[in-house]
Amino acid sequence: MGTVAAFFLAFILSGVVGLVMYEGWLSEADSPLIMNIVSFASLFAGAVYAGRRVQAAGWAHGGLVGLAYVACVTILGLIVFDQLAPTLVLCERGALALFLGAVAGTVGINLKG
């Protein structure tokens, strides 16, 4: 469910970024950085959501949300664009997603109240 929440938020934030770019308030040269920020912010929010819903091991659930999110984005990119990012980039994104998801899952489980 955390991965679905992350995708939903990423979809909404991508639309907002697209609208901002369309209006000319944001340079197209900045779009890769902005979209990476949107993607990892969505991943963080999805992992926090997952952490809030579990009874224990929020870090593990958050880390799995991060890995699932990156795997789904990679597969979707492969289907849509018919190309795969370099292995080093995939490993970096996977490691960052695992770490960020674990931190967010820990935050989420501690937000229960």
PDB file of N, CA and C in Angstrom:
ATOM      1  N   MET A   1       0.821  -1.191   0.000  1.00  0.00           N
ATOM      2  CA  MET A   1       0.000   0.000   0.000  1.00  0.00           C
ATOM      3  C   MET A   1       0.870   1.262   0.000  1.00  0.00           C
ATOM      4  N   GLY A   2       2.034   1.172   0.653  1.00  0.00           N
ATOM      5  CA  GLY A   2       2.942   2.316   0.675  1.00  0.00           C
ATOM      6  C   GLY A   2       3.459   2.666  -0.713  1.00  0.00           C
ATOM      7  N   THR A   3       3.717   1.646  -1.522  1.00  0.00           N
ATOM      8  CA  THR A   3       4.200   1.881  -2.882  1.00  0.00           C
ATOM      9  C   THR A   3       3.116   2.537  -3.724  1.00  0.00           C
ATOM     10  N   VAL A   4       1.878   2.098  -3.541  1.00  0.00           N
ATOM     11  CA  VAL A   4       0.754   2.704  -4.266  1.00  0.00           C
ATOM     12  C   VAL A   4       0.595   4.164  -3.855  1.00  0.00           C
ATOM     13  N   ALA A   5       0.706   4.437  -2.559  1.00  0.00           N
ATOM     14  CA  ALA A   5       0.627   5.819  -2.078  1.00  0.00           C
ATOM     15  C   ALA A   5       1.754   6.662  -2.671  1.00  0.00           C
ATOM     16  N   ALA A   6       2.944   6.089  -2.751  1.00  0.00           N
ATOM     17  CA  ALA A   6       4.085   6.810  -3.331  1.00  0.00           C
ATOM     18  C   ALA A   6       3.838   7.129  -4.798  1.00  0.00           C
ATOM     19  N   PHE A   7       3.297   6.180  -5.552  1.00  0.00           N
ATOM     20  CA  PHE A   7       3.006   6.418  -6.963  1.00  0.00           C
ATOM     21  C   PHE A   7       1.919   7.472  -7.132  1.00  0.00           C
ATOM     22  N   PHE A   8       0.904   7.421  -6.288  1.00  0.00           N
ATOM     23  CA  PHE A   8      -0.176   8.399  -6.365  1.00  0.00           C
ATOM     24  C   PHE A   8       0.357   9.810  -6.113  1.00  0.00           C
ATOM     25  N   LEU A   9       1.173   9.963  -5.083  1.00  0.00           N
ATOM     26  CA  LEU A   9       1.756  11.261  -4.784  1.00  0.00           C
ATOM     27  C   LEU A   9       2.698  11.711  -5.895  1.00  0.00           C
ATOM     28  N   ALA A  10       3.494  10.800  -6.431  1.00  0.00           N
ATOM     29  CA  ALA A  10       4.411  11.142  -7.519  1.00  0.00           C
ATOM     30  C   ALA A  10       3.634  11.612  -8.752  1.00  0.00           C
ATOM     31  N   PHE A  11       2.506  10.971  -9.025  1.00  0.00           N
ATOM     32  CA  PHE A  11       1.666  11.357 -10.161  1.00  0.00           C
ATOM     33  C   PHE A  11       1.143  12.778  -9.980  1.00  0.00           C
ATOM     34  N   ILE A  12       0.645  13.078  -8.785  1.00  0.00           N
ATOM     35  CA  ILE A  12       0.114  14.409  -8.515  1.00  0.00           C
ATOM     36  C   ILE A  12       1.221  15.467  -8.577  1.00  0.00           C
ATOM     37  N   LEU A  13       2.344  15.192  -7.913  1.00  0.00           N
ATOM     38  CA  LEU A  13       3.442  16.163  -7.913  1.00  0.00           C
ATOM     39  C   LEU A  13       4.047  16.350  -9.302  1.00  0.00           C
ATOM     40  N   SER A  14       4.074  15.302 -10.108  1.00  0.00           N
ATOM     41  CA  SER A  14       4.576  15.429 -11.480  1.00  0.00           C
ATOM     42  C   SER A  14       3.669  16.332 -12.301  1.00  0.00           C
ATOM     43  N   GLY A  15       2.376  16.221 -12.073  1.00  0.00           N
ATOM     44  CA  GLY A  15       1.434  17.115 -12.750  1.00  0.00           C
ATOM     45  C   GLY A  15       1.642  18.565 -12.354  1.00  0.00           C
ATOM     46  N   VAL A  16       1.888  18.795 -11.079  1.00  0.00           N
ATOM     47  CA  VAL A  16       2.155  20.153 -10.599  1.00  0.00           C
ATOM     48  C   VAL A  16       3.442  20.692 -11.229  1.00  0.00           C
ATOM     49  N   VAL A  17       4.474  19.874 -11.250  1.00  0.00           N
ATOM     50  CA  VAL A  17       5.747  20.292 -11.866  1.00  0.00           C
ATOM     51  C   VAL A  17       5.547  20.566 -13.354  1.00  0.00           C
ATOM     52  N   GLY A  18       4.777  19.729 -14.025  1.00  0.00           N
ATOM     53  CA  GLY A  18       4.491  19.952 -15.445  1.00  0.00           C
ATOM     54  C   GLY A  18       3.765  21.260 -15.682  1.00  0.00           C
ATOM     55  N   LEU A  19       2.811  21.571 -14.822  1.00  0.00           N
ATOM     56  CA  LEU A  19       2.082  22.831 -14.941  1.00  0.00           C
ATOM     57  C   LEU A  19       3.008  24.017 -14.697  1.00  0.00           C
ATOM     58  N   VAL A  20       3.871  23.903 -13.705  1.00  0.00           N
ATOM     59  CA  VAL A  20       4.830  24.974 -13.414  1.00  0.00           C
ATOM     60  C   VAL A  20       5.781  25.169 -14.593  1.00  0.00           C
ATOM     61  N   MET A  21       6.223  24.085 -15.199  1.00  0.00           N
ATOM     62  CA  MET A  21       7.109  24.197 -16.366  1.00  0.00           C
ATOM     63  C   MET A  21       6.360  24.789 -17.555  1.00  0.00           C
ATOM     64  N   TYR A  22       5.108  24.408 -17.728  1.00  0.00           N
ATOM     65  CA  TYR A  22       4.304  24.925 -18.831  1.00  0.00           C
ATOM     66  C   TYR A  22       4.124  26.437 -18.714  1.00  0.00           C
ATOM     67  N   GLU A  23       3.930  26.904 -17.492  1.00  0.00           N
ATOM     68  CA  GLU A  23       3.760  28.337 -17.266  1.00  0.00           C
ATOM     69  C   GLU A  23       5.076  29.103 -17.399  1.00  0.00           C
ATOM     70  N   GLY A  24       6.195  28.394 -17.467  1.00  0.00           N
ATOM     71  CA  GLY A  24       7.489  29.038 -17.651  1.00  0.00           C
ATOM     72  C   GLY A  24       8.162  29.463 -16.362  1.00  0.00           C
ATOM     73  N   TRP A  25       7.647  29.014 -15.231  1.00  0.00           N
ATOM     74  CA  TRP A  25       8.223  29.393 -13.948  1.00  0.00           C
ATOM     75  C   TRP A  25       9.433  28.547 -13.595  1.00  0.00           C
ATOM     76  N   LEU A  26       9.675  27.509 -14.368  1.00  0.00           N
ATOM     77  CA  LEU A  26      10.770  26.591 -14.094  1.00  0.00           C
ATOM     78  C   LEU A  26      11.453  26.247 -15.412  1.00  0.00           C
ATOM     79  N   SER A  27      12.760  26.281 -15.404  1.00  0.00           N
ATOM     80  CA  SER A  27      13.526  25.971 -16.610  1.00  0.00           C
ATOM     81  C   SER A  27      13.482  24.473 -16.894  1.00  0.00           C
ATOM     82  N   GLU A  28      13.425  24.127 -18.158  1.00  0.00           N
ATOM     83  CA  GLU A  28      13.423  22.718 -18.545  1.00  0.00           C
ATOM     84  C   GLU A  28      14.743  22.040 -18.192  1.00  0.00           C
ATOM     85  N   ALA A  29      15.805  22.814 -18.100  1.00  0.00           N
ATOM     86  CA  ALA A  29      17.110  22.258 -17.735  1.00  0.00           C
ATOM     87  C   ALA A  29      17.104  21.746 -16.293  1.00  0.00           C
ATOM     88  N   ASP A  30      16.233  22.291 -15.459  1.00  0.00           N
ATOM     89  CA  ASP A  30      16.142  21.872 -14.063  1.00  0.00           C
ATOM     90  C   ASP A  30      15.228  20.664 -13.857  1.00  0.00           C
ATOM     91  N   SER A  31      14.537  20.241 -14.885  1.00  0.00           N
ATOM     92  CA  SER A  31      13.527  19.188 -14.722  1.00  0.00           C
ATOM     93  C   SER A  31      14.079  17.852 -14.222  1.00  0.00           C
ATOM     94  N   PRO A  32      15.253  17.378 -14.645  1.00  0.00           N
ATOM     95  CA  PRO A  32      15.735  16.102 -14.086  1.00  0.00           C
ATOM     96  C   PRO A  32      15.941  16.157 -12.571  1.00  0.00           C
ATOM     97  N   LEU A  33      16.517  17.241 -12.084  1.00  0.00           N
ATOM     98  CA  LEU A  33      16.731  17.392 -10.651  1.00  0.00           C
ATOM     99  C   LEU A  33      15.398  17.483  -9.911  1.00  0.00           C
ATOM    100  N   ILE A  34      14.491  18.287 -10.424  1.00  0.00           N
ATOM    101  CA  ILE A  34      13.182  18.448  -9.785  1.00  0.00           C
ATOM    102  C   ILE A  34      12.429  17.128  -9.765  1.00  0.00           C
ATOM    103  N   MET A  35      12.474  16.375 -10.843  1.00  0.00           N
ATOM    104  CA  MET A  35      11.754  15.100 -10.890  1.00  0.00           C
ATOM    105  C   MET A  35      12.387  14.064  -9.964  1.00  0.00           C
ATOM    106  N   ASN A  36      13.708  14.101  -9.791  1.00  0.00           N
ATOM    107  CA  ASN A  36      14.336  13.216  -8.811  1.00  0.00           C
ATOM    108  C   ASN A  36      13.893  13.575  -7.400  1.00  0.00           C
ATOM    109  N   ILE A  37      13.799  14.862  -7.116  1.00  0.00           N
ATOM    110  CA  ILE A  37      13.329  15.301  -5.802  1.00  0.00           C
ATOM    111  C   ILE A  37      11.891  14.861  -5.590  1.00  0.00           C
ATOM    112  N   VAL A  38      11.047  15.037  -6.589  1.00  0.00           N
ATOM    113  CA  VAL A  38       9.645  14.611  -6.502  1.00  0.00           C
ATOM    114  C   VAL A  38       9.560  13.103  -6.282  1.00  0.00           C
ATOM    115  N   SER A  39      10.356  12.362  -7.011  1.00  0.00           N
ATOM    116  CA  SER A  39      10.329  10.908  -6.906  1.00  0.00           C
ATOM    117  C   SER A  39      10.738  10.431  -5.514  1.00  0.00           C
ATOM    118  N   PHE A  40      11.832  10.965  -4.996  1.00  0.00           N
ATOM    119  CA  PHE A  40      12.291  10.519  -3.685  1.00  0.00           C
ATOM    120  C   PHE A  40      11.435  11.074  -2.544  1.00  0.00           C
ATOM    121  N   ALA A  41      10.833  12.248  -2.732  1.00  0.00           N
ATOM    122  CA  ALA A  41       9.888  12.757  -1.727  1.00  0.00           C
ATOM    123  C   ALA A  41       8.648  11.861  -1.688  1.00  0.00           C
ATOM    124  N   SER A  42       8.194  11.413  -2.841  1.00  0.00           N
ATOM    125  CA  SER A  42       7.044  10.510  -2.905  1.00  0.00           C
ATOM    126  C   SER A  42       7.384   9.168  -2.266  1.00  0.00           C
ATOM    127  N   LEU A  43       8.574   8.674  -2.540  1.00  0.00           N
ATOM    128  CA  LEU A  43       9.028   7.425  -1.934  1.00  0.00           C
ATOM    129  C   LEU A  43       9.056   7.566  -0.412  1.00  0.00           C
ATOM    130  N   PHE A  44       9.584   8.676   0.084  1.00  0.00           N
ATOM    131  CA  PHE A  44       9.662   8.915   1.523  1.00  0.00           C
ATOM    132  C   PHE A  44       8.265   8.921   2.135  1.00  0.00           C
ATOM    133  N   ALA A  45       7.339   9.634   1.492  1.00  0.00           N
ATOM    134  CA  ALA A  45       5.968   9.706   2.011  1.00  0.00           C
ATOM    135  C   ALA A  45       5.298   8.329   2.003  1.00  0.00           C
ATOM    136  N   GLY A  46       5.508   7.548   0.957  1.00  0.00           N
ATOM    137  CA  GLY A  46       4.945   6.200   0.895  1.00  0.00           C
ATOM    138  C   GLY A  46       5.513   5.286   1.962  1.00  0.00           C
ATOM    139  N   ALA A  47       6.795   5.417   2.250  1.00  0.00           N
ATOM    140  CA  ALA A  47       7.425   4.598   3.285  1.00  0.00           C
ATOM    141  C   ALA A  47       6.980   5.025   4.683  1.00  0.00           C
ATOM    142  N   VAL A  48       6.761   6.326   4.892  1.00  0.00           N
ATOM    143  CA  VAL A  48       6.212   6.789   6.167  1.00  0.00           C
ATOM    144  C   VAL A  48       4.816   6.208   6.350  1.00  0.00           C
ATOM    145  N   TYR A  49       4.025   6.244   5.299  1.00  0.00           N
ATOM    146  CA  TYR A  49       2.670   5.674   5.337  1.00  0.00           C
ATOM    147  C   TYR A  49       2.725   4.189   5.697  1.00  0.00           C
ATOM    148  N   ALA A  50       3.632   3.457   5.068  1.00  0.00           N
ATOM    149  CA  ALA A  50       3.776   2.028   5.360  1.00  0.00           C
ATOM    150  C   ALA A  50       4.219   1.811   6.797  1.00  0.00           C
ATOM    151  N   GLY A  51       5.141   2.627   7.269  1.00  0.00           N
ATOM    152  CA  GLY A  51       5.620   2.505   8.637  1.00  0.00           C
ATOM    153  C   GLY A  51       4.533   2.760   9.660  1.00  0.00           C
ATOM    154  N   ARG A  52       3.644   3.678   9.362  1.00  0.00           N
ATOM    155  CA  ARG A  52       2.538   3.984  10.288  1.00  0.00           C
ATOM    156  C   ARG A  52       1.541   2.837  10.371  1.00  0.00           C
ATOM    157  N   ARG A  53       1.437   2.043   9.333  1.00  0.00           N
ATOM    158  CA  ARG A  53       0.419   0.985   9.285  1.00  0.00           C
ATOM    159  C   ARG A  53       0.881  -0.356   9.848  1.00  0.00           C
ATOM    160  N   VAL A  54       2.152  -0.513  10.141  1.00  0.00           N
ATOM    161  CA  VAL A  54       2.648  -1.805  10.628  1.00  0.00           C
ATOM    162  C   VAL A  54       2.837  -1.777  12.140  1.00  0.00           C
ATOM    163  N   GLN A  55       2.939  -2.958  12.722  1.00  0.00           N
ATOM    164  CA  GLN A  55       3.103  -3.088  14.167  1.00  0.00           C
ATOM    165  C   GLN A  55       4.570  -3.096  14.588  1.00  0.00           C
ATOM    166  N   ALA A  56       5.437  -3.578  13.730  1.00  0.00           N
ATOM    167  CA  ALA A  56       6.866  -3.700  14.059  1.00  0.00           C
ATOM    168  C   ALA A  56       7.680  -3.639  12.776  1.00  0.00           C
ATOM    169  N   ALA A  57       8.972  -3.424  12.944  1.00  0.00           N
ATOM    170  CA  ALA A  57       9.929  -3.417  11.832  1.00  0.00           C
ATOM    171  C   ALA A  57       9.541  -2.398  10.750  1.00  0.00           C
ATOM    172  N   GLY A  58       9.291  -1.172  11.174  1.00  0.00           N
ATOM    173  CA  GLY A  58       8.963  -0.114  10.228  1.00  0.00           C
ATOM    174  C   GLY A  58      10.085   0.128   9.245  1.00  0.00           C
ATOM    175  N   TRP A  59      11.322  -0.025   9.706  1.00  0.00           N
ATOM    176  CA  TRP A  59      12.471   0.177   8.827  1.00  0.00           C
ATOM    177  C   TRP A  59      12.471  -0.833   7.687  1.00  0.00           C
ATOM    178  N   ALA A  60      12.094  -2.074   7.981  1.00  0.00           N
ATOM    179  CA  ALA A  60      12.084  -3.109   6.942  1.00  0.00           C
ATOM    180  C   ALA A  60      10.961  -2.859   5.938  1.00  0.00           C
ATOM    181  N   HIS A  61       9.790  -2.513   6.437  1.00  0.00           N
ATOM    182  CA  HIS A  61       8.674  -2.239   5.539  1.00  0.00           C
ATOM    183  C   HIS A  61       8.954  -0.998   4.687  1.00  0.00           C
ATOM    184  N   GLY A  62       9.527   0.028   5.305  1.00  0.00           N
ATOM    185  CA  GLY A  62       9.885   1.221   4.546  1.00  0.00           C
ATOM    186  C   GLY A  62      10.939   0.943   3.493  1.00  0.00           C
ATOM    187  N   GLY A  63      11.946   0.155   3.853  1.00  0.00           N
ATOM    188  CA  GLY A  63      12.981  -0.212   2.886  1.00  0.00           C
ATOM    189  C   GLY A  63      12.421  -1.002   1.724  1.00  0.00           C
ATOM    190  N   LEU A  64      11.486  -1.897   2.017  1.00  0.00           N
ATOM    191  CA  LEU A  64      10.850  -2.670   0.942  1.00  0.00           C
ATOM    192  C   LEU A  64       9.999  -1.782   0.043  1.00  0.00           C
ATOM    193  N   VAL A  65       9.326  -0.793   0.636  1.00  0.00           N
ATOM    194  CA  VAL A  65       8.574   0.160  -0.179  1.00  0.00           C
ATOM    195  C   VAL A  65       9.533   0.895  -1.115  1.00  0.00           C
ATOM    196  N   GLY A  66      10.677   1.325  -0.594  1.00  0.00           N
ATOM    197  CA  GLY A  66      11.657   2.012  -1.424  1.00  0.00           C
ATOM    198  C   GLY A  66      12.160   1.154  -2.571  1.00  0.00           C
ATOM    199  N   LEU A  67      12.505  -0.083  -2.259  1.00  0.00           N
ATOM    200  CA  LEU A  67      12.981  -0.988  -3.326  1.00  0.00           C
ATOM    201  C   LEU A  67      11.886  -1.295  -4.335  1.00  0.00           C
ATOM    202  N   ALA A  68      10.664  -1.508  -3.856  1.00  0.00           N
ATOM    203  CA  ALA A  68       9.544  -1.795  -4.764  1.00  0.00           C
ATOM    204  C   ALA A  68       9.259  -0.603  -5.669  1.00  0.00           C
ATOM    205  N   TYR A  69       9.344   0.601  -5.106  1.00  0.00           N
ATOM    206  CA  TYR A  69       9.109   1.809  -5.890  1.00  0.00           C
ATOM    207  C   TYR A  69      10.145   1.943  -7.011  1.00  0.00           C
ATOM    208  N   VAL A  70      11.408   1.780  -6.665  1.00  0.00           N
ATOM    209  CA  VAL A  70      12.469   1.894  -7.678  1.00  0.00           C
ATOM    210  C   VAL A  70      12.345   0.786  -8.726  1.00  0.00           C
ATOM    211  N   ALA A  71      12.012  -0.425  -8.294  1.00  0.00           N
ATOM    212  CA  ALA A  71      11.841  -1.528  -9.243  1.00  0.00           C
ATOM    213  C   ALA A  71      10.686  -1.235 -10.201  1.00  0.00           C
ATOM    214  N   CYS A  72       9.585  -0.738  -9.675  1.00  0.00           N
ATOM    215  CA  CYS A  72       8.428  -0.432 -10.531  1.00  0.00           C
ATOM    216  C   CYS A  72       8.738   0.699 -11.502  1.00  0.00           C
ATOM    217  N   VAL A  73       9.423   1.732 -11.030  1.00  0.00           N
ATOM    218  CA  VAL A  73       9.789   2.844 -11.902  1.00  0.00           C
ATOM    219  C   VAL A  73      10.746   2.367 -12.994  1.00  0.00           C
ATOM    220  N   THR A  74      11.676   1.495 -12.638  1.00  0.00           N
ATOM    221  CA  THR A  74      12.622   0.961 -13.616  1.00  0.00           C
ATOM    222  C   THR A  74      11.906   0.128 -14.667  1.00  0.00           C
ATOM    223  N   ILE A  75      11.007  -0.728 -14.233  1.00  0.00           N
ATOM    224  CA  ILE A  75      10.250  -1.573 -15.174  1.00  0.00           C
ATOM    225  C   ILE A  75       9.364  -0.715 -16.059  1.00  0.00           C
ATOM    226  N   LEU A  76       8.701   0.273 -15.472  1.00  0.00           N
ATOM    227  CA  LEU A  76       7.851   1.175 -16.247  1.00  0.00           C
ATOM    228  C   LEU A  76       8.680   1.941 -17.279  1.00  0.00           C
ATOM    229  N   GLY A  77       9.855   2.409 -16.881  1.00  0.00           N
ATOM    230  CA  GLY A  77      10.742   3.093 -17.819  1.00  0.00           C
ATOM    231  C   GLY A  77      11.204   2.186 -18.940  1.00  0.00           C
ATOM    232  N   LEU A  78      11.441   0.929 -18.613  1.00  0.00           N
ATOM    233  CA  LEU A  78      11.847  -0.040 -19.632  1.00  0.00           C
ATOM    234  C   LEU A  78      10.722  -0.296 -20.626  1.00  0.00           C
ATOM    235  N   ILE A  79       9.498  -0.375 -20.125  1.00  0.00           N
ATOM    236  CA  ILE A  79       8.342  -0.619 -20.998  1.00  0.00           C
ATOM    237  C   ILE A  79       8.060   0.595 -21.875  1.00  0.00           C
ATOM    238  N   VAL A  80       8.043   1.784 -21.271  1.00  0.00           N
ATOM    239  CA  VAL A  80       7.662   2.992 -21.996  1.00  0.00           C
ATOM    240  C   VAL A  80       8.765   3.468 -22.940  1.00  0.00           C
ATOM    241  N   PHE A  81       9.997   3.509 -22.459  1.00  0.00           N
ATOM    242  CA  PHE A  81      11.087   4.072 -23.253  1.00  0.00           C
ATOM    243  C   PHE A  81      11.972   3.030 -23.909  1.00  0.00           C
ATOM    244  N   ASP A  82      11.766   1.770 -23.591  1.00  0.00           N
ATOM    245  CA  ASP A  82      12.514   0.661 -24.170  1.00  0.00           C
ATOM    246  C   ASP A  82      14.026   0.819 -24.000  1.00  0.00           C
ATOM    247  N   GLN A  83      14.427   1.352 -22.849  1.00  0.00           N
ATOM    248  CA  GLN A  83      15.844   1.424 -22.529  1.00  0.00           C
ATOM    249  C   GLN A  83      16.000   1.360 -21.019  1.00  0.00           C
ATOM    250  N   LEU A  84      17.135   0.877 -20.611  1.00  0.00           N
ATOM    251  CA  LEU A  84      17.407   0.681 -19.195  1.00  0.00           C
ATOM    252  C   LEU A  84      18.537   1.607 -18.778  1.00  0.00           C
ATOM    253  N   ALA A  85      18.416   2.171 -17.589  1.00  0.00           N
ATOM    254  CA  ALA A  85      19.478   3.031 -17.067  1.00  0.00           C
ATOM    255  C   ALA A  85      20.731   2.186 -16.840  1.00  0.00           C
ATOM    256  N   PRO A  86      21.903   2.814 -16.829  1.00  0.00           N
ATOM    257  CA  PRO A  86      23.140   2.069 -16.565  1.00  0.00           C
ATOM    258  C   PRO A  86      23.089   1.373 -15.197  1.00  0.00           C
ATOM    259  N   THR A  87      23.790   0.273 -15.090  1.00  0.00           N
ATOM    260  CA  THR A  87      23.763  -0.547 -13.872  1.00  0.00           C
ATOM    261  C   THR A  87      24.182   0.244 -12.643  1.00  0.00           C
ATOM    262  N   LEU A  88      25.185   1.076 -12.770  1.00  0.00           N
ATOM    263  CA  LEU A  88      25.651   1.863 -11.632  1.00  0.00           C
ATOM    264  C   LEU A  88      24.553   2.819 -11.146  1.00  0.00           C
ATOM    265  N   VAL A  89      23.845   3.434 -12.069  1.00  0.00           N
ATOM    266  CA  VAL A  89      22.748   4.339 -11.715  1.00  0.00           C
ATOM    267  C   VAL A  89      21.640   3.568 -11.008  1.00  0.00           C
ATOM    268  N   LEU A  90      21.302   2.386 -11.517  1.00  0.00           N
ATOM    269  CA  LEU A  90      20.269   1.561 -10.880  1.00  0.00           C
ATOM    270  C   LEU A  90      20.678   1.142  -9.476  1.00  0.00           C
ATOM    271  N   CYS A  91      21.951   0.785  -9.305  1.00  0.00           N
ATOM    272  CA  CYS A  91      22.433   0.396  -7.980  1.00  0.00           C
ATOM    273  C   CYS A  91      22.401   1.574  -7.016  1.00  0.00           C
ATOM    274  N   GLU A  92      22.795   2.754  -7.490  1.00  0.00           N
ATOM    275  CA  GLU A  92      22.754   3.948  -6.646  1.00  0.00           C
ATOM    276  C   GLU A  92      21.328   4.290  -6.236  1.00  0.00           C
ATOM    277  N   ARG A  93      20.415   4.246  -7.192  1.00  0.00           N
ATOM    278  CA  ARG A  93      19.006   4.537  -6.886  1.00  0.00           C
ATOM    279  C   ARG A  93      18.425   3.502  -5.937  1.00  0.00           C
ATOM    280  N   GLY A  94      18.766   2.248  -6.154  1.00  0.00           N
ATOM    281  CA  GLY A  94      18.275   1.188  -5.274  1.00  0.00           C
ATOM    282  C   GLY A  94      18.791   1.338  -3.857  1.00  0.00           C
ATOM    283  N   ALA A  95      20.073   1.651  -3.715  1.00  0.00           N
ATOM    284  CA  ALA A  95      20.653   1.829  -2.381  1.00  0.00           C
ATOM    285  C   ALA A  95      20.058   3.049  -1.693  1.00  0.00           C
ATOM    286  N   LEU A  96      19.910   4.144  -2.420  1.00  0.00           N
ATOM    287  CA  LEU A  96      19.309   5.345  -1.844  1.00  0.00           C
ATOM    288  C   LEU A  96      17.853   5.088  -1.461  1.00  0.00           C
ATOM    289  N   ALA A  97      17.126   4.377  -2.296  1.00  0.00           N
ATOM    290  CA  ALA A  97      15.729   4.065  -1.998  1.00  0.00           C
ATOM    291  C   ALA A  97      15.609   3.163  -0.782  1.00  0.00           C
ATOM    292  N   LEU A  98      16.494   2.195  -0.665  1.00  0.00           N
ATOM    293  CA  LEU A  98      16.483   1.303   0.502  1.00  0.00           C
ATOM    294  C   LEU A  98      16.770   2.096   1.777  1.00  0.00           C
ATOM    295  N   PHE A  99      17.786   2.932   1.738  1.00  0.00           N
ATOM    296  CA  PHE A  99      18.143   3.736   2.911  1.00  0.00           C
ATOM    297  C   PHE A  99      17.037   4.732   3.261  1.00  0.00           C
ATOM    298  N   LEU A 100      16.584   5.486   2.262  1.00  0.00           N
ATOM    299  CA  LEU A 100      15.554   6.489   2.496  1.00  0.00           C
ATOM    300  C   LEU A 100      14.252   5.852   2.960  1.00  0.00           C
ATOM    301  N   GLY A 101      13.901   4.719   2.362  1.00  0.00           N
ATOM    302  CA  GLY A 101      12.699   4.006   2.777  1.00  0.00           C
ATOM    303  C   GLY A 101      12.803   3.487   4.207  1.00  0.00           C
ATOM    304  N   ALA A 102      13.971   2.986   4.588  1.00  0.00           N
ATOM    305  CA  ALA A 102      14.159   2.485   5.945  1.00  0.00           C
ATOM    306  C   ALA A 102      14.053   3.615   6.957  1.00  0.00           C
ATOM    307  N   VAL A 103      14.656   4.751   6.648  1.00  0.00           N
ATOM    308  CA  VAL A 103      14.553   5.911   7.540  1.00  0.00           C
ATOM    309  C   VAL A 103      13.091   6.362   7.638  1.00  0.00           C
ATOM    310  N   ALA A 104      12.411   6.454   6.501  1.00  0.00           N
ATOM    311  CA  ALA A 104      11.027   6.898   6.489  1.00  0.00           C
ATOM    312  C   ALA A 104      10.119   5.902   7.217  1.00  0.00           C
ATOM    313  N   GLY A 105      10.376   4.607   7.064  1.00  0.00           N
ATOM    314  CA  GLY A 105       9.594   3.598   7.780  1.00  0.00           C
ATOM    315  C   GLY A 105       9.775   3.727   9.280  1.00  0.00           C
ATOM    316  N   THR A 106      10.987   4.036   9.696  1.00  0.00           N
ATOM    317  CA  THR A 106      11.264   4.249  11.123  1.00  0.00           C
ATOM    318  C   THR A 106      10.534   5.494  11.614  1.00  0.00           C
ATOM    319  N   VAL A 107      10.549   6.552  10.810  1.00  0.00           N
ATOM    320  CA  VAL A 107       9.813   7.754  11.171  1.00  0.00           C
ATOM    321  C   VAL A 107       8.327   7.442  11.272  1.00  0.00           C
ATOM    322  N   GLY A 108       7.810   6.704  10.289  1.00  0.00           N
ATOM    323  CA  GLY A 108       6.385   6.370  10.277  1.00  0.00           C
ATOM    324  C   GLY A 108       5.938   5.570  11.471  1.00  0.00           C
ATOM    325  N   ILE A 109       6.708   4.573  11.868  1.00  0.00           N
ATOM    326  CA  ILE A 109       6.311   3.743  12.996  1.00  0.00           C
ATOM    327  C   ILE A 109       6.361   4.536  14.295  1.00  0.00           C
ATOM    328  N   ASN A 110       7.236   5.542  14.351  1.00  0.00           N
ATOM    329  CA  ASN A 110       7.325   6.382  15.542  1.00  0.00           C
ATOM    330  C   ASN A 110       6.287   7.500  15.558  1.00  0.00           C
ATOM    331  N   LEU A 111       5.570   7.704  14.466  1.00  0.00           N
ATOM    332  CA  LEU A 111       4.519   8.723  14.401  1.00  0.00           C
ATOM    333  C   LEU A 111       3.177   8.197  14.894  1.00  0.00           C
ATOM    334  N   LYS A 112       3.123   6.902  15.172  1.00  0.00           N
ATOM    335  CA  LYS A 112       1.868   6.338  15.677  1.00  0.00           C
ATOM    336  C   LYS A 112       1.508   7.021  16.975  1.00  0.00           C
ATOM    337  N   GLY A 113       0.232   7.252  17.152  1.00  0.00           N
ATOM    338  CA  GLY A 113      -0.091   7.883  18.412  1.00  0.00           C
ATOM    339  C   GLY A 113      -1.508   7.866  18.765  1.00  0.00           C
TER     340      GLY A 113
END
